[in-house]
């Protein structure tokens, strides 16, 4: 499914006050934001993800809705000094068996 097709399906099924979130490769963020905006969706929150402090961002979590509000921007680093960071652990401890 292309990003355009995804937004079309979301637009068809999302309630008027609904939100949707997705996880994308970081390099596709700008492309998706443009598509979403053309369909009337606005970025509400963005969380960029790095493997370590020295790596570039490689994933992004995006939250969109139909209301234009000031977007919030955050970032997560997965590992520092060969250990999972507290932020990463708190976010995903319910999904990983060994965190």
C-alpha atoms as a PDB file:
ATOM      1  CA  UNK A   1       0.000   0.000   0.000  1.00  0.00           C
ATOM      2  CA  UNK A   2       1.402   3.403  -0.918  1.00  0.00           C
ATOM      3  CA  UNK A   3       1.360   6.354   1.462  1.00  0.00           C
ATOM      4  CA  UNK A   4      -1.327   7.998  -0.691  1.00  0.00           C
ATOM      5  CA  UNK A   5      -3.503   4.886  -0.443  1.00  0.00           C
ATOM      6  CA  UNK A   6      -2.976   4.742   3.304  1.00  0.00           C
ATOM      7  CA  UNK A   7      -4.146   8.323   3.782  1.00  0.00           C
ATOM      8  CA  UNK A   8      -7.177   7.666   1.544  1.00  0.00           C
ATOM      9  CA  UNK A   9      -8.219   4.712   3.725  1.00  0.00           C
ATOM     10  CA  UNK A  10      -7.649   6.714   6.909  1.00  0.00           C
ATOM     11  CA  UNK A  11      -9.701   9.634   5.587  1.00  0.00           C
ATOM     12  CA  UNK A  12     -12.559   7.291   4.698  1.00  0.00           C
ATOM     13  CA  UNK A  13     -12.708   5.529   8.077  1.00  0.00           C
ATOM     14  CA  UNK A  14     -11.524   8.054  10.675  1.00  0.00           C
ATOM     15  CA  UNK A  15     -14.170   9.829  12.730  1.00  0.00           C
ATOM     16  CA  UNK A  16     -14.406  13.621  12.537  1.00  0.00           C
ATOM     17  CA  UNK A  17     -12.584  14.043  15.863  1.00  0.00           C
ATOM     18  CA  UNK A  18     -10.327  11.020  15.427  1.00  0.00           C
ATOM     19  CA  UNK A  19      -6.553  10.852  15.366  1.00  0.00           C
ATOM     20  CA  UNK A  20      -4.193   8.423  13.711  1.00  0.00           C
ATOM     21  CA  UNK A  21      -0.605   7.508  14.435  1.00  0.00           C
ATOM     22  CA  UNK A  22       2.019   5.725  12.437  1.00  0.00           C
ATOM     23  CA  UNK A  23       5.633   4.666  12.567  1.00  0.00           C
ATOM     24  CA  UNK A  24       7.726   5.402   9.482  1.00  0.00           C
ATOM     25  CA  UNK A  25      11.323   5.346   8.350  1.00  0.00           C
ATOM     26  CA  UNK A  26      12.611   8.826   9.163  1.00  0.00           C
ATOM     27  CA  UNK A  27      13.470   9.639   5.546  1.00  0.00           C
ATOM     28  CA  UNK A  28       9.757   9.317   4.579  1.00  0.00           C
ATOM     29  CA  UNK A  29       8.521  11.811   7.186  1.00  0.00           C
ATOM     30  CA  UNK A  30       8.393  14.912   4.990  1.00  0.00           C
ATOM     31  CA  UNK A  31       6.746  13.031   2.135  1.00  0.00           C
ATOM     32  CA  UNK A  32       3.996  11.712   4.405  1.00  0.00           C
ATOM     33  CA  UNK A  33       3.407  15.077   6.073  1.00  0.00           C
ATOM     34  CA  UNK A  34       2.801  16.685   2.664  1.00  0.00           C
ATOM     35  CA  UNK A  35       0.349  13.961   1.658  1.00  0.00           C
ATOM     36  CA  UNK A  36      -1.493  14.183   4.967  1.00  0.00           C
ATOM     37  CA  UNK A  37      -1.743  17.971   4.768  1.00  0.00           C
ATOM     38  CA  UNK A  38      -3.254  17.845   1.281  1.00  0.00           C
ATOM     39  CA  UNK A  39      -5.962  15.546   2.688  1.00  0.00           C
ATOM     40  CA  UNK A  40      -6.759  17.849   5.620  1.00  0.00           C
ATOM     41  CA  UNK A  41      -4.707  16.207   8.359  1.00  0.00           C
ATOM     42  CA  UNK A  42      -2.369  18.164  10.617  1.00  0.00           C
ATOM     43  CA  UNK A  43       0.630  16.981  12.576  1.00  0.00           C
ATOM     44  CA  UNK A  44      -0.047  17.024  16.316  1.00  0.00           C
ATOM     45  CA  UNK A  45       2.969  15.182  17.675  1.00  0.00           C
ATOM     46  CA  UNK A  46       6.264  13.863  16.350  1.00  0.00           C
ATOM     47  CA  UNK A  47       8.710  11.572  18.121  1.00  0.00           C
ATOM     48  CA  UNK A  48      12.000  11.013  16.280  1.00  0.00           C
ATOM     49  CA  UNK A  49      14.022   7.923  17.189  1.00  0.00           C
ATOM     50  CA  UNK A  50      17.813   7.345  17.231  1.00  0.00           C
ATOM     51  CA  UNK A  51      19.681   4.133  17.990  1.00  0.00           C
ATOM     52  CA  UNK A  52      22.338   5.988  20.024  1.00  0.00           C
ATOM     53  CA  UNK A  53      23.293   9.642  20.549  1.00  0.00           C
ATOM     54  CA  UNK A  54      25.810   9.488  17.674  1.00  0.00           C
ATOM     55  CA  UNK A  55      23.439   7.971  15.112  1.00  0.00           C
ATOM     56  CA  UNK A  56      21.073   9.862  12.846  1.00  0.00           C
ATOM     57  CA  UNK A  57      17.328   9.518  13.309  1.00  0.00           C
ATOM     58  CA  UNK A  58      16.044   6.337  11.650  1.00  0.00           C
ATOM     59  CA  UNK A  59      12.360   6.123  12.676  1.00  0.00           C
ATOM     60  CA  UNK A  60       9.641   8.628  13.416  1.00  0.00           C
ATOM     61  CA  UNK A  61       6.308   8.275  15.200  1.00  0.00           C
ATOM     62  CA  UNK A  62       3.703  10.727  13.956  1.00  0.00           C
ATOM     63  CA  UNK A  63       0.281  11.647  15.335  1.00  0.00           C
ATOM     64  CA  UNK A  64      -2.202  13.439  13.066  1.00  0.00           C
ATOM     65  CA  UNK A  65      -5.672  14.882  13.446  1.00  0.00           C
ATOM     66  CA  UNK A  66      -8.032  17.174  11.585  1.00  0.00           C
ATOM     67  CA  UNK A  67      -7.561  20.163  13.900  1.00  0.00           C
ATOM     68  CA  UNK A  68      -4.709  22.543  13.288  1.00  0.00           C
ATOM     69  CA  UNK A  69      -2.837  22.874  16.581  1.00  0.00           C
ATOM     70  CA  UNK A  70       0.742  23.599  17.588  1.00  0.00           C
ATOM     71  CA  UNK A  71       2.628  20.342  17.072  1.00  0.00           C
ATOM     72  CA  UNK A  72       4.758  18.877  19.837  1.00  0.00           C
ATOM     73  CA  UNK A  73       8.221  17.530  19.007  1.00  0.00           C
ATOM     74  CA  UNK A  74      10.152  14.931  21.014  1.00  0.00           C
ATOM     75  CA  UNK A  75      12.961  12.465  20.474  1.00  0.00           C
ATOM     76  CA  UNK A  76      13.972   9.096  21.885  1.00  0.00           C
ATOM     77  CA  UNK A  77      17.399   7.537  22.031  1.00  0.00           C
ATOM     78  CA  UNK A  78      17.243   3.748  22.338  1.00  0.00           C
ATOM     79  CA  UNK A  79      20.655   2.988  23.825  1.00  0.00           C
ATOM     80  CA  UNK A  80      23.290   4.937  25.713  1.00  0.00           C
ATOM     81  CA  UNK A  81      26.478   3.419  27.095  1.00  0.00           C
ATOM     82  CA  UNK A  82      25.414  -0.097  26.045  1.00  0.00           C
ATOM     83  CA  UNK A  83      22.125   0.066  27.981  1.00  0.00           C
ATOM     84  CA  UNK A  84      18.568   0.879  27.031  1.00  0.00           C
ATOM     85  CA  UNK A  85      17.628   4.406  28.033  1.00  0.00           C
ATOM     86  CA  UNK A  86      14.979   4.988  30.690  1.00  0.00           C
ATOM     87  CA  UNK A  87      12.737   6.713  28.131  1.00  0.00           C
ATOM     88  CA  UNK A  88      12.898   3.758  25.750  1.00  0.00           C
ATOM     89  CA  UNK A  89      12.367   1.251  28.556  1.00  0.00           C
ATOM     90  CA  UNK A  90       9.346   3.106  29.945  1.00  0.00           C
ATOM     91  CA  UNK A  91       7.776   3.368  26.510  1.00  0.00           C
ATOM     92  CA  UNK A  92       8.211  -0.266  25.464  1.00  0.00           C
ATOM     93  CA  UNK A  93       8.494  -2.349  28.649  1.00  0.00           C
ATOM     94  CA  UNK A  94       5.006  -3.784  28.134  1.00  0.00           C
ATOM     95  CA  UNK A  95       5.973  -5.060  24.673  1.00  0.00           C
ATOM     96  CA  UNK A  96       9.438  -6.520  25.275  1.00  0.00           C
ATOM     97  CA  UNK A  97      10.089  -9.499  27.513  1.00  0.00           C
ATOM     98  CA  UNK A  98      13.653  -8.506  28.446  1.00  0.00           C
ATOM     99  CA  UNK A  99      13.628  -4.790  29.256  1.00  0.00           C
END
